[in-house]
Amino acid sequence: MADEALLARVNAGIADGSCTNVGGAAVDRPLEEGLVREDRQVVSPVRDDIPVLLVEEGIRVAGE
């Protein structure tokens, strides 16, 4: 699971409009939970308690 600091960084990018997913689409819905990939480069959102594990829906994490 993504920790609070990582979620805050991702959500800050979502809030300022600079966050895109791996598929290139803008992310406009803040994350409450996320599963972070082992290399900490991508966060998969968890929506309604269901992990979204589609590769193109993953959110790249800058600066990790």
C-alpha atoms as a PDB file:
ATOM      1  CA  MET A   1       0.000   0.000   0.000  1.00  0.00           C
ATOM      2  CA  ALA A   2       1.115   3.531  -0.704  1.00  0.00           C
ATOM      3  CA  ASP A   3       1.973   5.511   2.415  1.00  0.00           C
ATOM      4  CA  GLU A   4       0.451   8.896   3.296  1.00  0.00           C
ATOM      5  CA  ALA A   5       3.453  10.869   1.996  1.00  0.00           C
ATOM      6  CA  LEU A   6       3.323   9.185  -1.410  1.00  0.00           C
ATOM      7  CA  LEU A   7      -0.444   9.661  -1.684  1.00  0.00           C
ATOM      8  CA  ALA A   8      -0.022  13.331  -0.767  1.00  0.00           C
ATOM      9  CA  ARG A   9       2.561  13.807  -3.550  1.00  0.00           C
ATOM     10  CA  VAL A  10       0.374  12.093  -6.130  1.00  0.00           C
ATOM     11  CA  ASN A  11      -2.707  14.015  -5.004  1.00  0.00           C
ATOM     12  CA  ALA A  12      -0.801  17.301  -5.210  1.00  0.00           C
ATOM     13  CA  GLY A  13      -0.028  16.519  -8.860  1.00  0.00           C
ATOM     14  CA  ILE A  14      -3.659  15.646  -9.465  1.00  0.00           C
ATOM     15  CA  ALA A  15      -4.793  18.912  -7.854  1.00  0.00           C
ATOM     16  CA  ASP A  16      -2.475  21.063  -9.966  1.00  0.00           C
ATOM     17  CA  GLY A  17      -3.380  19.218 -13.179  1.00  0.00           C
ATOM     18  CA  SER A  18       0.080  17.830 -13.885  1.00  0.00           C
ATOM     19  CA  CYS A  19      -0.671  14.164 -13.176  1.00  0.00           C
ATOM     20  CA  THR A  20      -1.211  11.669 -16.002  1.00  0.00           C
ATOM     21  CA  ASN A  21      -1.507   7.921 -15.965  1.00  0.00           C
ATOM     22  CA  VAL A  22       0.693   5.482 -17.872  1.00  0.00           C
ATOM     23  CA  GLY A  23      -1.818   5.561 -20.745  1.00  0.00           C
ATOM     24  CA  GLY A  24      -1.342   9.348 -21.033  1.00  0.00           C
ATOM     25  CA  ALA A  25      -4.768  10.421 -19.754  1.00  0.00           C
ATOM     26  CA  ALA A  26      -5.069  13.194 -17.174  1.00  0.00           C
ATOM     27  CA  VAL A  27      -5.887  11.951 -13.678  1.00  0.00           C
ATOM     28  CA  ASP A  28      -8.592  14.093 -12.097  1.00  0.00           C
ATOM     29  CA  ARG A  29      -9.806  11.982  -9.180  1.00  0.00           C
ATOM     30  CA  PRO A  30      -7.715  12.112  -5.964  1.00  0.00           C
ATOM     31  CA  LEU A  31      -6.517   8.836  -4.503  1.00  0.00           C
ATOM     32  CA  GLU A  32      -7.627   7.648  -1.100  1.00  0.00           C
ATOM     33  CA  GLU A  33      -5.640   4.415  -1.443  1.00  0.00           C
ATOM     34  CA  GLY A  34      -3.133   2.975  -3.868  1.00  0.00           C
ATOM     35  CA  LEU A  35      -0.938  -0.034  -4.436  1.00  0.00           C
ATOM     36  CA  VAL A  36       2.640   0.931  -5.133  1.00  0.00           C
ATOM     37  CA  ARG A  37       4.748  -1.166  -7.480  1.00  0.00           C
ATOM     38  CA  GLU A  38       7.836  -2.759  -5.938  1.00  0.00           C
ATOM     39  CA  ASP A  39      10.174  -0.294  -7.697  1.00  0.00           C
ATOM     40  CA  ARG A  40       8.010   2.612  -6.372  1.00  0.00           C
ATOM     41  CA  GLN A  41       7.669   4.114  -9.867  1.00  0.00           C
ATOM     42  CA  VAL A  42       3.925   3.500 -10.380  1.00  0.00           C
ATOM     43  CA  VAL A  43       0.894   3.639  -8.087  1.00  0.00           C
ATOM     44  CA  SER A  44      -2.210   1.666  -9.030  1.00  0.00           C
ATOM     45  CA  PRO A  45      -5.356   3.364  -7.743  1.00  0.00           C
ATOM     46  CA  VAL A  46      -7.780   1.588  -5.438  1.00  0.00           C
ATOM     47  CA  ARG A  47     -11.359   2.634  -6.219  1.00  0.00           C
ATOM     48  CA  ASP A  48     -14.275   1.501  -4.041  1.00  0.00           C
ATOM     49  CA  ASP A  49     -11.961  -1.002  -2.308  1.00  0.00           C
ATOM     50  CA  ILE A  50     -11.029  -2.582  -5.672  1.00  0.00           C
ATOM     51  CA  PRO A  51      -7.460  -2.243  -7.003  1.00  0.00           C
ATOM     52  CA  VAL A  52      -7.337  -1.052 -10.603  1.00  0.00           C
ATOM     53  CA  LEU A  53      -4.465  -3.140 -11.965  1.00  0.00           C
ATOM     54  CA  LEU A  54      -4.717  -2.229 -15.647  1.00  0.00           C
ATOM     55  CA  VAL A  55      -1.240  -1.117 -16.737  1.00  0.00           C
ATOM     56  CA  GLU A  56      -2.496   2.024 -18.501  1.00  0.00           C
ATOM     57  CA  GLU A  57      -4.359   3.160 -15.339  1.00  0.00           C
ATOM     58  CA  GLY A  58      -1.199   3.202 -13.210  1.00  0.00           C
ATOM     59  CA  ILE A  59       0.050   6.628 -12.129  1.00  0.00           C
ATOM     60  CA  ARG A  60       3.748   7.386 -12.547  1.00  0.00           C
ATOM     61  CA  VAL A  61       5.468   8.706  -9.438  1.00  0.00           C
ATOM     62  CA  ALA A  62       7.923  11.517 -10.151  1.00  0.00           C
ATOM     63  CA  GLY A  63      11.035  11.921  -8.057  1.00  0.00           C
ATOM     64  CA  GLU A  64      11.129   8.487  -6.492  1.00  0.00           C
END
